[in-house]
PDB file of N, CA and C in Angstrom:
ATOM      1  N   UNK A   1      41.459 -21.642  47.745  1.00  0.00           N
ATOM      2  CA  UNK A   1      41.566 -22.500  48.895  1.00  0.00           C
ATOM      3  C   UNK A   1      41.538 -21.655  50.172  1.00  0.00           C
ATOM      4  N   UNK A   2      40.863 -22.135  51.190  1.00  0.00           N
ATOM      5  CA  UNK A   2      40.768 -21.426  52.447  1.00  0.00           C
ATOM      6  C   UNK A   2      42.074 -21.531  53.231  1.00  0.00           C
ATOM      7  N   UNK A   3      42.206 -20.711  54.248  1.00  0.00           N
ATOM      8  CA  UNK A   3      43.404 -20.631  55.066  1.00  0.00           C
ATOM      9  C   UNK A   3      43.092 -21.165  56.465  1.00  0.00           C
ATOM     10  N   UNK A   4      44.024 -21.929  57.035  1.00  0.00           N
ATOM     11  CA  UNK A   4      43.847 -22.452  58.391  1.00  0.00           C
ATOM     12  C   UNK A   4      45.207 -22.585  59.054  1.00  0.00           C
ATOM     13  N   UNK A   5      45.354 -21.973  60.221  1.00  0.00           N
ATOM     14  CA  UNK A   5      46.613 -22.004  60.954  1.00  0.00           C
ATOM     15  C   UNK A   5      46.324 -22.168  62.445  1.00  0.00           C
ATOM     16  N   UNK A   6      47.079 -23.046  63.090  1.00  0.00           N
ATOM     17  CA  UNK A   6      46.883 -23.314  64.519  1.00  0.00           C
ATOM     18  C   UNK A   6      47.605 -22.276  65.375  1.00  0.00           C
ATOM     19  N   UNK A   7      46.937 -21.806  66.412  1.00  0.00           N
ATOM     20  CA  UNK A   7      47.552 -20.910  67.389  1.00  0.00           C
ATOM     21  C   UNK A   7      48.460 -21.756  68.282  1.00  0.00           C
ATOM     22  N   UNK A   8      49.733 -21.359  68.331  1.00  0.00           N
ATOM     23  CA  UNK A   8      50.698 -22.151  69.099  1.00  0.00           C
ATOM     24  C   UNK A   8      51.139 -21.479  70.394  1.00  0.00           C
ATOM     25  N   UNK A   9      50.773 -20.212  70.572  1.00  0.00           N
ATOM     26  CA  UNK A   9      51.155 -19.540  71.804  1.00  0.00           C
ATOM     27  C   UNK A   9      50.766 -18.081  71.806  1.00  0.00           C
ATOM     28  N   UNK A  10      51.026 -17.450  72.946  1.00  0.00           N
ATOM     29  CA  UNK A  10      50.674 -16.044  73.148  1.00  0.00           C
ATOM     30  C   UNK A  10      51.845 -15.330  73.812  1.00  0.00           C
ATOM     31  N   UNK A  11      52.191 -14.170  73.278  1.00  0.00           N
ATOM     32  CA  UNK A  11      53.174 -13.342  73.964  1.00  0.00           C
ATOM     33  C   UNK A  11      52.614 -12.880  75.299  1.00  0.00           C
ATOM     34  N   UNK A  12      53.506 -12.449  76.183  1.00  0.00           N
ATOM     35  CA  UNK A  12      53.109 -12.069  77.537  1.00  0.00           C
ATOM     36  C   UNK A  12      51.985 -11.041  77.580  1.00  0.00           C
ATOM     37  N   UNK A  13      51.968 -10.121  76.625  1.00  0.00           N
ATOM     38  CA  UNK A  13      50.929  -9.082  76.657  1.00  0.00           C
ATOM     39  C   UNK A  13      49.987  -9.131  75.447  1.00  0.00           C
ATOM     40  N   UNK A  14      50.034 -10.221  74.706  1.00  0.00           N
ATOM     41  CA  UNK A  14      49.233 -10.329  73.476  1.00  0.00           C
ATOM     42  C   UNK A  14      47.734 -10.137  73.723  1.00  0.00           C
ATOM     43  N   UNK A  15      47.207 -10.773  74.749  1.00  0.00           N
ATOM     44  CA  UNK A  15      45.760 -10.705  74.980  1.00  0.00           C
ATOM     45  C   UNK A  15      45.338  -9.409  75.661  1.00  0.00           C
ATOM     46  N   UNK A  16      46.299  -8.638  76.172  1.00  0.00           N
ATOM     47  CA  UNK A  16      45.976  -7.334  76.759  1.00  0.00           C
ATOM     48  C   UNK A  16      45.375  -6.392  75.720  1.00  0.00           C
ATOM     49  N   UNK A  17      45.739  -6.583  74.450  1.00  0.00           N
ATOM     50  CA  UNK A  17      45.232  -5.716  73.384  1.00  0.00           C
ATOM     51  C   UNK A  17      43.733  -5.882  73.150  1.00  0.00           C
ATOM     52  N   UNK A  18      43.157  -6.976  73.640  1.00  0.00           N
ATOM     53  CA  UNK A  18      41.704  -7.166  73.495  1.00  0.00           C
ATOM     54  C   UNK A  18      40.929  -6.057  74.201  1.00  0.00           C
ATOM     55  N   UNK A  19      41.520  -5.465  75.243  1.00  0.00           N
ATOM     56  CA  UNK A  19      40.847  -4.348  75.922  1.00  0.00           C
ATOM     57  C   UNK A  19      40.717  -3.144  74.994  1.00  0.00           C
ATOM     58  N   UNK A  20      41.546  -3.111  73.955  1.00  0.00           N
ATOM     59  CA  UNK A  20      41.473  -2.053  72.941  1.00  0.00           C
ATOM     60  C   UNK A  20      40.825  -2.563  71.656  1.00  0.00           C
ATOM     61  N   UNK A  21      40.196  -3.732  71.755  1.00  0.00           N
ATOM     62  CA  UNK A  21      39.489  -4.364  70.637  1.00  0.00           C
ATOM     63  C   UNK A  21      40.409  -4.660  69.463  1.00  0.00           C
ATOM     64  N   UNK A  22      41.590  -5.218  69.771  1.00  0.00           N
ATOM     65  CA  UNK A  22      42.482  -5.631  68.693  1.00  0.00           C
ATOM     66  C   UNK A  22      43.393  -6.759  69.141  1.00  0.00           C
ATOM     67  N   UNK A  23      43.944  -7.459  68.149  1.00  0.00           N
ATOM     68  CA  UNK A  23      44.933  -8.514  68.351  1.00  0.00           C
ATOM     69  C   UNK A  23      46.011  -8.370  67.285  1.00  0.00           C
ATOM     70  N   UNK A  24      47.231  -8.692  67.658  1.00  0.00           N
ATOM     71  CA  UNK A  24      48.341  -8.687  66.717  1.00  0.00           C
ATOM     72  C   UNK A  24      48.713 -10.143  66.439  1.00  0.00           C
ATOM     73  N   UNK A  25      48.763 -10.500  65.163  1.00  0.00           N
ATOM     74  CA  UNK A  25      49.130 -11.855  64.755  1.00  0.00           C
ATOM     75  C   UNK A  25      50.534 -11.856  64.171  1.00  0.00           C
ATOM     76  N   UNK A  26      51.284 -12.932  64.459  1.00  0.00           N
ATOM     77  CA  UNK A  26      52.586 -13.166  63.843  1.00  0.00           C
ATOM     78  C   UNK A  26      52.801 -14.663  63.726  1.00  0.00           C
ATOM     79  N   UNK A  27      53.560 -15.077  62.697  1.00  0.00           N
ATOM     80  CA  UNK A  27      54.000 -16.463  62.592  1.00  0.00           C
ATOM     81  C   UNK A  27      54.826 -16.825  63.819  1.00  0.00           C
ATOM     82  N   UNK A  28      54.991 -18.106  64.006  1.00  0.00           N
ATOM     83  CA  UNK A  28      55.725 -18.643  65.150  1.00  0.00           C
ATOM     84  C   UNK A  28      57.186 -18.211  65.214  1.00  0.00           C
ATOM     85  N   UNK A  29      57.748 -17.744  64.104  1.00  0.00           N
ATOM     86  CA  UNK A  29      59.156 -17.338  64.104  1.00  0.00           C
ATOM     87  C   UNK A  29      59.335 -15.825  64.239  1.00  0.00           C
ATOM     88  N   UNK A  30      58.380 -15.159  64.867  1.00  0.00           N
ATOM     89  CA  UNK A  30      58.467 -13.708  65.079  1.00  0.00           C
ATOM     90  C   UNK A  30      59.656 -13.382  65.980  1.00  0.00           C
ATOM     91  N   UNK A  31      60.322 -12.260  65.741  1.00  0.00           N
ATOM     92  CA  UNK A  31      61.393 -11.827  66.643  1.00  0.00           C
ATOM     93  C   UNK A  31      60.840 -11.659  68.069  1.00  0.00           C
ATOM     94  N   UNK A  32      61.676 -11.913  69.059  1.00  0.00           N
ATOM     95  CA  UNK A  32      61.258 -11.922  70.460  1.00  0.00           C
ATOM     96  C   UNK A  32      60.499 -10.660  70.868  1.00  0.00           C
ATOM     97  N   UNK A  33      60.993  -9.495  70.450  1.00  0.00           N
ATOM     98  CA  UNK A  33      60.345  -8.236  70.854  1.00  0.00           C
ATOM     99  C   UNK A  33      58.939  -8.093  70.265  1.00  0.00           C
ATOM    100  N   UNK A  34      58.669  -8.725  69.129  1.00  0.00           N
ATOM    101  CA  UNK A  34      57.333  -8.706  68.535  1.00  0.00           C
ATOM    102  C   UNK A  34      56.486  -9.872  69.049  1.00  0.00           C
ATOM    103  N   UNK A  35      57.133 -10.985  69.341  1.00  0.00           N
ATOM    104  CA  UNK A  35      56.412 -12.159  69.834  1.00  0.00           C
ATOM    105  C   UNK A  35      55.694 -11.861  71.147  1.00  0.00           C
ATOM    106  N   UNK A  36      56.288 -11.045  72.009  1.00  0.00           N
ATOM    107  CA  UNK A  36      55.650 -10.763  73.297  1.00  0.00           C
ATOM    108  C   UNK A  36      54.340  -9.992  73.163  1.00  0.00           C
ATOM    109  N   UNK A  37      54.116  -9.365  72.005  1.00  0.00           N
ATOM    110  CA  UNK A  37      52.886  -8.607  71.742  1.00  0.00           C
ATOM    111  C   UNK A  37      51.855  -9.406  70.967  1.00  0.00           C
ATOM    112  N   UNK A  38      52.218 -10.598  70.532  1.00  0.00           N
ATOM    113  CA  UNK A  38      51.478 -11.266  69.463  1.00  0.00           C
ATOM    114  C   UNK A  38      50.826 -12.589  69.843  1.00  0.00           C
ATOM    115  N   UNK A  39      49.758 -12.887  69.089  1.00  0.00           N
ATOM    116  CA  UNK A  39      49.198 -14.231  69.037  1.00  0.00           C
ATOM    117  C   UNK A  39      50.028 -14.952  67.988  1.00  0.00           C
ATOM    118  N   UNK A  40      50.716 -15.998  68.406  1.00  0.00           N
ATOM    119  CA  UNK A  40      51.641 -16.703  67.514  1.00  0.00           C
ATOM    120  C   UNK A  40      50.947 -17.911  66.893  1.00  0.00           C
ATOM    121  N   UNK A  41      51.122 -18.066  65.584  1.00  0.00           N
ATOM    122  CA  UNK A  41      50.467 -19.162  64.875  1.00  0.00           C
ATOM    123  C   UNK A  41      51.425 -19.826  63.908  1.00  0.00           C
ATOM    124  N   UNK A  42      51.044 -21.041  63.498  1.00  0.00           N
ATOM    125  CA  UNK A  42      51.865 -21.806  62.560  1.00  0.00           C
ATOM    126  C   UNK A  42      52.065 -21.029  61.268  1.00  0.00           C
ATOM    127  N   UNK A  43      53.234 -21.193  60.706  1.00  0.00           N
ATOM    128  CA  UNK A  43      53.540 -20.575  59.419  1.00  0.00           C
ATOM    129  C   UNK A  43      52.820 -21.373  58.331  1.00  0.00           C
ATOM    130  N   UNK A  44      51.871 -20.762  57.674  1.00  0.00           N
ATOM    131  CA  UNK A  44      51.104 -21.394  56.596  1.00  0.00           C
ATOM    132  C   UNK A  44      51.047 -20.439  55.413  1.00  0.00           C
ATOM    133  N   UNK A  45      50.959 -20.995  54.230  1.00  0.00           N
ATOM    134  CA  UNK A  45      50.898 -20.172  53.027  1.00  0.00           C
ATOM    135  C   UNK A  45      49.500 -19.593  52.838  1.00  0.00           C
ATOM    136  N   UNK A  46      49.455 -18.297  52.595  1.00  0.00           N
ATOM    137  CA  UNK A  46      48.216 -17.607  52.247  1.00  0.00           C
ATOM    138  C   UNK A  46      48.239 -17.463  50.734  1.00  0.00           C
ATOM    139  N   UNK A  47      47.370 -18.206  50.046  1.00  0.00           N
ATOM    140  CA  UNK A  47      47.427 -18.196  48.581  1.00  0.00           C
ATOM    141  C   UNK A  47      46.306 -17.390  47.950  1.00  0.00           C
ATOM    142  N   UNK A  48      45.633 -16.585  48.751  1.00  0.00           N
ATOM    143  CA  UNK A  48      44.597 -15.690  48.261  1.00  0.00           C
ATOM    144  C   UNK A  48      44.727 -14.372  49.004  1.00  0.00           C
ATOM    145  N   UNK A  49      44.132 -13.335  48.502  1.00  0.00           N
ATOM    146  CA  UNK A  49      44.113 -12.044  49.185  1.00  0.00           C
ATOM    147  C   UNK A  49      42.919 -12.003  50.134  1.00  0.00           C
ATOM    148  N   UNK A  50      43.121 -11.471  51.319  1.00  0.00           N
ATOM    149  CA  UNK A  50      42.002 -11.225  52.240  1.00  0.00           C
ATOM    150  C   UNK A  50      41.257 -10.010  51.717  1.00  0.00           C
ATOM    151  N   UNK A  51      39.939 -10.148  51.573  1.00  0.00           N
ATOM    152  CA  UNK A  51      39.124  -9.062  51.013  1.00  0.00           C
ATOM    153  C   UNK A  51      37.881  -8.839  51.855  1.00  0.00           C
ATOM    154  N   UNK A  52      37.296  -7.669  51.683  1.00  0.00           N
ATOM    155  CA  UNK A  52      36.035  -7.340  52.343  1.00  0.00           C
ATOM    156  C   UNK A  52      34.998  -8.391  51.969  1.00  0.00           C
ATOM    157  N   UNK A  53      34.279  -8.870  52.969  1.00  0.00           N
ATOM    158  CA  UNK A  53      33.252  -9.880  52.749  1.00  0.00           C
ATOM    159  C   UNK A  53      33.710 -11.292  53.079  1.00  0.00           C
ATOM    160  N   UNK A  54      35.035 -11.502  53.180  1.00  0.00           N
ATOM    161  CA  UNK A  54      35.538 -12.810  53.586  1.00  0.00           C
ATOM    162  C   UNK A  54      35.152 -13.066  55.043  1.00  0.00           C
ATOM    163  N   UNK A  55      35.223 -14.322  55.449  1.00  0.00           N
ATOM    164  CA  UNK A  55      34.904 -14.703  56.821  1.00  0.00           C
ATOM    165  C   UNK A  55      36.170 -15.163  57.518  1.00  0.00           C
ATOM    166  N   UNK A  56      36.350 -14.711  58.767  1.00  0.00           N
ATOM    167  CA  UNK A  56      37.489 -15.137  59.567  1.00  0.00           C
ATOM    168  C   UNK A  56      36.964 -15.729  60.866  1.00  0.00           C
ATOM    169  N   UNK A  57      37.501 -16.883  61.220  1.00  0.00           N
ATOM    170  CA  UNK A  57      37.174 -17.520  62.491  1.00  0.00           C
ATOM    171  C   UNK A  57      38.410 -17.498  63.362  1.00  0.00           C
ATOM    172  N   UNK A  58      38.210 -17.148  64.616  1.00  0.00           N
ATOM    173  CA  UNK A  58      39.266 -17.158  65.618  1.00  0.00           C
ATOM    174  C   UNK A  58      38.756 -18.021  66.759  1.00  0.00           C
ATOM    175  N   UNK A  59      39.274 -19.244  66.836  1.00  0.00           N
ATOM    176  CA  UNK A  59      38.711 -20.176  67.813  1.00  0.00           C
ATOM    177  C   UNK A  59      37.261 -20.450  67.472  1.00  0.00           C
ATOM    178  N   UNK A  60      36.372 -20.223  68.429  1.00  0.00           N
ATOM    179  CA  UNK A  60      34.942 -20.479  68.231  1.00  0.00           C
ATOM    180  C   UNK A  60      34.160 -19.265  67.760  1.00  0.00           C
ATOM    181  N   UNK A  61      34.831 -18.165  67.476  1.00  0.00           N
ATOM    182  CA  UNK A  61      34.151 -16.936  67.100  1.00  0.00           C
ATOM    183  C   UNK A  61      34.317 -16.638  65.615  1.00  0.00           C
ATOM    184  N   UNK A  62      33.232 -16.201  64.980  1.00  0.00           N
ATOM    185  CA  UNK A  62      33.227 -15.907  63.551  1.00  0.00           C
ATOM    186  C   UNK A  62      33.064 -14.407  63.308  1.00  0.00           C
ATOM    187  N   UNK A  63      33.753 -13.930  62.276  1.00  0.00           N
ATOM    188  CA  UNK A  63      33.756 -12.514  61.939  1.00  0.00           C
ATOM    189  C   UNK A  63      33.669 -12.341  60.427  1.00  0.00           C
ATOM    190  N   UNK A  64      33.171 -11.172  60.027  1.00  0.00           N
ATOM    191  CA  UNK A  64      33.171 -10.770  58.625  1.00  0.00           C
ATOM    192  C   UNK A  64      34.225  -9.683  58.467  1.00  0.00           C
ATOM    193  N   UNK A  65      35.034  -9.790  57.423  1.00  0.00           N
ATOM    194  CA  UNK A  65      36.039  -8.768  57.127  1.00  0.00           C
ATOM    195  C   UNK A  65      35.327  -7.558  56.537  1.00  0.00           C
ATOM    196  N   UNK A  66      35.508  -6.389  57.175  1.00  0.00           N
ATOM    197  CA  UNK A  66      34.831  -5.176  56.708  1.00  0.00           C
ATOM    198  C   UNK A  66      35.786  -4.174  56.064  1.00  0.00           C
ATOM    199  N   UNK A  67      37.096  -4.322  56.285  1.00  0.00           N
ATOM    200  CA  UNK A  67      38.096  -3.450  55.653  1.00  0.00           C
ATOM    201  C   UNK A  67      39.461  -4.125  55.756  1.00  0.00           C
ATOM    202  N   UNK A  68      40.304  -3.877  54.753  1.00  0.00           N
ATOM    203  CA  UNK A  68      41.653  -4.465  54.715  1.00  0.00           C
ATOM    204  C   UNK A  68      42.636  -3.369  54.341  1.00  0.00           C
ATOM    205  N   UNK A  69      43.645  -3.178  55.178  1.00  0.00           N
ATOM    206  CA  UNK A  69      44.673  -2.175  54.905  1.00  0.00           C
ATOM    207  C   UNK A  69      45.526  -2.533  53.704  1.00  0.00           C
ATOM    208  N   UNK A  70      46.137  -1.520  53.112  1.00  0.00           N
ATOM    209  CA  UNK A  70      46.910  -1.683  51.885  1.00  0.00           C
ATOM    210  C   UNK A  70      48.096  -2.630  52.037  1.00  0.00           C
ATOM    211  N   UNK A  71      48.651  -2.781  53.243  1.00  0.00           N
ATOM    212  CA  UNK A  71      49.809  -3.646  53.449  1.00  0.00           C
ATOM    213  C   UNK A  71      49.470  -4.957  54.156  1.00  0.00           C
ATOM    214  N   UNK A  72      48.228  -5.122  54.589  1.00  0.00           N
ATOM    215  CA  UNK A  72      47.859  -6.276  55.418  1.00  0.00           C
ATOM    216  C   UNK A  72      48.095  -7.615  54.713  1.00  0.00           C
ATOM    217  N   UNK A  73      47.730  -7.730  53.462  1.00  0.00           N
ATOM    218  CA  UNK A  73      47.928  -8.999  52.759  1.00  0.00           C
ATOM    219  C   UNK A  73      49.406  -9.327  52.574  1.00  0.00           C
ATOM    220  N   UNK A  74      50.217  -8.331  52.243  1.00  0.00           N
ATOM    221  CA  UNK A  74      51.646  -8.568  52.039  1.00  0.00           C
ATOM    222  C   UNK A  74      52.323  -9.021  53.329  1.00  0.00           C
ATOM    223  N   UNK A  75      52.037  -8.335  54.437  1.00  0.00           N
ATOM    224  CA  UNK A  75      52.691  -8.706  55.690  1.00  0.00           C
ATOM    225  C   UNK A  75      52.161 -10.037  56.219  1.00  0.00           C
ATOM    226  N   UNK A  76      50.891 -10.323  55.951  1.00  0.00           N
ATOM    227  CA  UNK A  76      50.361 -11.611  56.393  1.00  0.00           C
ATOM    228  C   UNK A  76      50.988 -12.753  55.589  1.00  0.00           C
ATOM    229  N   UNK A  77      51.172 -12.542  54.285  1.00  0.00           N
ATOM    230  CA  UNK A  77      51.808 -13.569  53.452  1.00  0.00           C
ATOM    231  C   UNK A  77      53.265 -13.787  53.846  1.00  0.00           C
ATOM    232  N   UNK A  78      53.996 -12.720  54.129  1.00  0.00           N
ATOM    233  CA  UNK A  78      55.430 -12.835  54.427  1.00  0.00           C
ATOM    234  C   UNK A  78      55.718 -13.258  55.865  1.00  0.00           C
ATOM    235  N   UNK A  79      54.972 -12.701  56.819  1.00  0.00           N
ATOM    236  CA  UNK A  79      55.309 -12.845  58.234  1.00  0.00           C
ATOM    237  C   UNK A  79      54.184 -13.421  59.096  1.00  0.00           C
ATOM    238  N   UNK A  80      53.035 -13.698  58.465  1.00  0.00           N
ATOM    239  CA  UNK A  80      51.881 -14.110  59.256  1.00  0.00           C
ATOM    240  C   UNK A  80      51.393 -12.980  60.136  1.00  0.00           C
ATOM    241  N   UNK A  81      51.709 -11.749  59.747  1.00  0.00           N
ATOM    242  CA  UNK A  81      51.441 -10.579  60.595  1.00  0.00           C
ATOM    243  C   UNK A  81      50.340  -9.690  60.040  1.00  0.00           C
ATOM    244  N   UNK A  82      49.437  -9.352  60.914  1.00  0.00           N
ATOM    245  CA  UNK A  82      48.499  -8.257  60.688  1.00  0.00           C
ATOM    246  C   UNK A  82      47.919  -7.885  62.045  1.00  0.00           C
ATOM    247  N   UNK A  83      47.264  -6.772  62.084  1.00  0.00           N
ATOM    248  CA  UNK A  83      46.590  -6.325  63.294  1.00  0.00           C
ATOM    249  C   UNK A  83      45.091  -6.444  63.050  1.00  0.00           C
ATOM    250  N   UNK A  84      44.437  -7.285  63.831  1.00  0.00           N
ATOM    251  CA  UNK A  84      42.995  -7.452  63.710  1.00  0.00           C
ATOM    252  C   UNK A  84      42.320  -6.441  64.627  1.00  0.00           C
ATOM    253  N   UNK A  85      41.360  -5.703  64.080  1.00  0.00           N
ATOM    254  CA  UNK A  85      40.625  -4.701  64.848  1.00  0.00           C
ATOM    255  C   UNK A  85      39.157  -5.099  64.835  1.00  0.00           C
ATOM    256  N   UNK A  86      38.584  -5.223  66.017  1.00  0.00           N
ATOM    257  CA  UNK A  86      37.201  -5.684  66.161  1.00  0.00           C
ATOM    258  C   UNK A  86      36.258  -4.493  66.292  1.00  0.00           C
ATOM    259  N   UNK A  87      36.166  -3.716  65.222  1.00  0.00           N
ATOM    260  CA  UNK A  87      35.315  -2.532  65.221  1.00  0.00           C
ATOM    261  C   UNK A  87      34.247  -2.573  64.155  1.00  0.00           C
ATOM    262  N   UNK A  88      34.461  -3.401  63.134  1.00  0.00           N
ATOM    263  CA  UNK A  88      33.491  -3.514  62.056  1.00  0.00           C
ATOM    264  C   UNK A  88      33.396  -2.286  61.171  1.00  0.00           C
ATOM    265  N   UNK A  89      34.406  -1.411  61.223  1.00  0.00           N
ATOM    266  CA  UNK A  89      34.390  -0.200  60.392  1.00  0.00           C
ATOM    267  C   UNK A  89      34.682  -0.565  58.940  1.00  0.00           C
ATOM    268  N   UNK A  90      34.312   0.338  58.044  1.00  0.00           N
ATOM    269  CA  UNK A  90      34.545   0.082  56.623  1.00  0.00           C
ATOM    270  C   UNK A  90      35.846   0.701  56.119  1.00  0.00           C
ATOM    271  N   UNK A  91      36.694   1.145  57.041  1.00  0.00           N
ATOM    272  CA  UNK A  91      38.030   1.611  56.673  1.00  0.00           C
ATOM    273  C   UNK A  91      38.981   1.346  57.837  1.00  0.00           C
ATOM    274  N   UNK A  92      40.268   1.257  57.520  1.00  0.00           N
ATOM    275  CA  UNK A  92      41.292   1.002  58.538  1.00  0.00           C
ATOM    276  C   UNK A  92      42.012   2.304  58.870  1.00  0.00           C
ATOM    277  N   UNK A  93      42.621   2.339  60.044  1.00  0.00           N
ATOM    278  CA  UNK A  93      43.398   3.516  60.431  1.00  0.00           C
ATOM    279  C   UNK A  93      44.860   3.377  60.039  1.00  0.00           C
ATOM    280  N   UNK A  94      45.344   2.123  59.961  1.00  0.00           N
ATOM    281  CA  UNK A  94      46.738   1.857  59.604  1.00  0.00           C
ATOM    282  C   UNK A  94      46.795   0.817  58.493  1.00  0.00           C
ATOM    283  N   UNK A  95      47.827   0.842  57.655  1.00  0.00           N
ATOM    284  CA  UNK A  95      47.868  -0.029  56.478  1.00  0.00           C
ATOM    285  C   UNK A  95      47.963  -1.529  56.761  1.00  0.00           C
ATOM    286  N   UNK A  96      48.392  -1.924  57.969  1.00  0.00           N
ATOM    287  CA  UNK A  96      48.515  -3.344  58.295  1.00  0.00           C
ATOM    288  C   UNK A  96      47.313  -3.922  59.023  1.00  0.00           C
ATOM    289  N   UNK A  97      46.232  -3.166  59.084  1.00  0.00           N
ATOM    290  CA  UNK A  97      45.053  -3.609  59.834  1.00  0.00           C
ATOM    291  C   UNK A  97      44.029  -4.327  58.968  1.00  0.00           C
ATOM    292  N   UNK A  98      43.280  -5.217  59.638  1.00  0.00           N
ATOM    293  CA  UNK A  98      42.100  -5.848  59.060  1.00  0.00           C
ATOM    294  C   UNK A  98      40.964  -5.604  60.052  1.00  0.00           C
ATOM    295  N   UNK A  99      39.904  -4.964  59.584  1.00  0.00           N
ATOM    296  CA  UNK A  99      38.732  -4.697  60.423  1.00  0.00           C
ATOM    297  C   UNK A  99      37.790  -5.889  60.361  1.00  0.00           C
ATOM    298  N   UNK A 100      37.271  -6.295  61.522  1.00  0.00           N
ATOM    299  CA  UNK A 100      36.365  -7.430  61.617  1.00  0.00           C
ATOM    300  C   UNK A 100      35.098  -7.035  62.354  1.00  0.00           C
ATOM    301  N   UNK A 101      33.987  -7.628  61.923  1.00  0.00           N
ATOM    302  CA  UNK A 101      32.704  -7.410  62.581  1.00  0.00           C
ATOM    303  C   UNK A 101      32.193  -8.760  63.081  1.00  0.00           C
ATOM    304  N   UNK A 102      31.812  -8.792  64.362  1.00  0.00           N
ATOM    305  CA  UNK A 102      31.308 -10.028  64.945  1.00  0.00           C
ATOM    306  C   UNK A 102      30.520  -9.751  66.205  1.00  0.00           C
ATOM    307  N   UNK A 103      30.002 -10.813  66.794  1.00  0.00           N
ATOM    308  CA  UNK A 103      29.154 -10.708  67.983  1.00  0.00           C
ATOM    309  C   UNK A 103      29.923 -10.263  69.224  1.00  0.00           C
ATOM    310  N   UNK A 104      31.150 -10.816  69.404  1.00  0.00           N
ATOM    311  CA  UNK A 104      31.920 -10.519  70.615  1.00  0.00           C
ATOM    312  C   UNK A 104      33.401 -10.694  70.334  1.00  0.00           C
ATOM    313  N   UNK A 105      34.213 -10.275  71.289  1.00  0.00           N
ATOM    314  CA  UNK A 105      35.656 -10.454  71.171  1.00  0.00           C
ATOM    315  C   UNK A 105      36.000 -11.937  71.323  1.00  0.00           C
ATOM    316  N   UNK A 106      37.063 -12.374  70.677  1.00  0.00           N
ATOM    317  CA  UNK A 106      37.422 -13.795  70.772  1.00  0.00           C
ATOM    318  C   UNK A 106      37.968 -14.166  72.150  1.00  0.00           C
ATOM    319  N   UNK A 107      37.748 -15.409  72.521  1.00  0.00           N
ATOM    320  CA  UNK A 107      38.348 -15.990  73.723  1.00  0.00           C
ATOM    321  C   UNK A 107      39.220 -17.135  73.231  1.00  0.00           C
ATOM    322  N   UNK A 108      40.503 -16.860  73.081  1.00  0.00           N
ATOM    323  CA  UNK A 108      41.413 -17.800  72.425  1.00  0.00           C
ATOM    324  C   UNK A 108      42.239 -18.595  73.423  1.00  0.00           C
ATOM    325  N   UNK A 109      42.597 -19.802  72.982  1.00  0.00           N
ATOM    326  CA  UNK A 109      43.515 -20.639  73.749  1.00  0.00           C
ATOM    327  C   UNK A 109      44.461 -21.330  72.776  1.00  0.00           C
ATOM    328  N   UNK A 110      45.564 -21.792  73.305  1.00  0.00           N
ATOM    329  CA  UNK A 110      46.534 -22.511  72.485  1.00  0.00           C
ATOM    330  C   UNK A 110      45.847 -23.733  71.872  1.00  0.00           C
ATOM    331  N   UNK A 111      46.085 -23.961  70.594  1.00  0.00           N
ATOM    332  CA  UNK A 111      45.464 -25.076  69.887  1.00  0.00           C
ATOM    333  C   UNK A 111      44.245 -24.669  69.078  1.00  0.00           C
ATOM    334  N   UNK A 112      43.692 -23.468  69.350  1.00  0.00           N
ATOM    335  CA  UNK A 112      42.603 -22.958  68.519  1.00  0.00           C
ATOM    336  C   UNK A 112      43.144 -22.644  67.129  1.00  0.00           C
ATOM    337  N   UNK A 113      42.236 -22.399  66.189  1.00  0.00           N
ATOM    338  CA  UNK A 113      42.639 -22.112  64.815  1.00  0.00           C
ATOM    339  C   UNK A 113      42.224 -20.720  64.377  1.00  0.00           C
ATOM    340  N   UNK A 114      43.057 -20.150  63.510  1.00  0.00           N
ATOM    341  CA  UNK A 114      42.725 -18.954  62.748  1.00  0.00           C
ATOM    342  C   UNK A 114      42.344 -19.475  61.373  1.00  0.00           C
ATOM    343  N   UNK A 115      41.112 -19.197  60.937  1.00  0.00           N
ATOM    344  CA  UNK A 115      40.661 -19.676  59.636  1.00  0.00           C
ATOM    345  C   UNK A 115      40.088 -18.522  58.827  1.00  0.00           C
ATOM    346  N   UNK A 116      40.338 -18.555  57.535  1.00  0.00           N
ATOM    347  CA  UNK A 116      39.761 -17.565  56.626  1.00  0.00           C
ATOM    348  C   UNK A 116      39.036 -18.324  55.528  1.00  0.00           C
ATOM    349  N   UNK A 117      37.778 -17.996  55.357  1.00  0.00           N
ATOM    350  CA  UNK A 117      36.999 -18.539  54.239  1.00  0.00           C
ATOM    351  C   UNK A 117      36.843 -17.416  53.236  1.00  0.00           C
ATOM    352  N   UNK A 118      37.424 -17.646  52.068  1.00  0.00           N
ATOM    353  CA  UNK A 118      37.420 -16.620  51.034  1.00  0.00           C
ATOM    354  C   UNK A 118      36.084 -16.619  50.316  1.00  0.00           C
ATOM    355  N   UNK A 119      35.451 -15.471  50.280  1.00  0.00           N
ATOM    356  CA  UNK A 119      34.146 -15.315  49.654  1.00  0.00           C
ATOM    357  C   UNK A 119      34.242 -15.631  48.171  1.00  0.00           C
ATOM    358  N   UNK A 120      33.463 -16.599  47.722  1.00  0.00           N
ATOM    359  CA  UNK A 120      33.422 -16.948  46.305  1.00  0.00           C
ATOM    360  C   UNK A 120      34.712 -17.571  45.799  1.00  0.00           C
ATOM    361  N   UNK A 121      35.599 -17.988  46.716  1.00  0.00           N
ATOM    362  CA  UNK A 121      36.840 -18.653  46.320  1.00  0.00           C
ATOM    363  C   UNK A 121      37.772 -17.784  45.494  1.00  0.00           C
ATOM    364  N   UNK A 122      37.759 -16.449  45.690  1.00  0.00           N
ATOM    365  CA  UNK A 122      38.593 -15.546  44.904  1.00  0.00           C
ATOM    366  C   UNK A 122      40.074 -15.833  45.076  1.00  0.00           C
ATOM    367  N   UNK A 123      40.863 -15.367  44.154  1.00  0.00           N
ATOM    368  CA  UNK A 123      42.325 -15.477  44.221  1.00  0.00           C
ATOM    369  C   UNK A 123      42.920 -14.111  44.430  1.00  0.00           C
TER     370      UNK A 123
END
């Protein structure tokens, strides 16, 4: 089953990270010190692993997953947390990162969705 979660808000400096080609995601119940850095989204169950080749949509922008850090799936399942990097590289620099390849950086607003389409419906 695919994943879909609504963006409910942005920390004060969350979108500043786009200048470094990255975004930090957290569930809506993130601690205050982390919430100010994060794109906050509804708490939803992730019942599949994010893998290379999956598709992620952020608002109106679509991306292909090119690399997934060793801890990214665990932290996303528990906390809705990962760091999205818009570099399209085939490896991550940190274990909580997910590398994405797409046409441009996302332009997000409250009410947009984070969606993951799992390639081949894997579990």
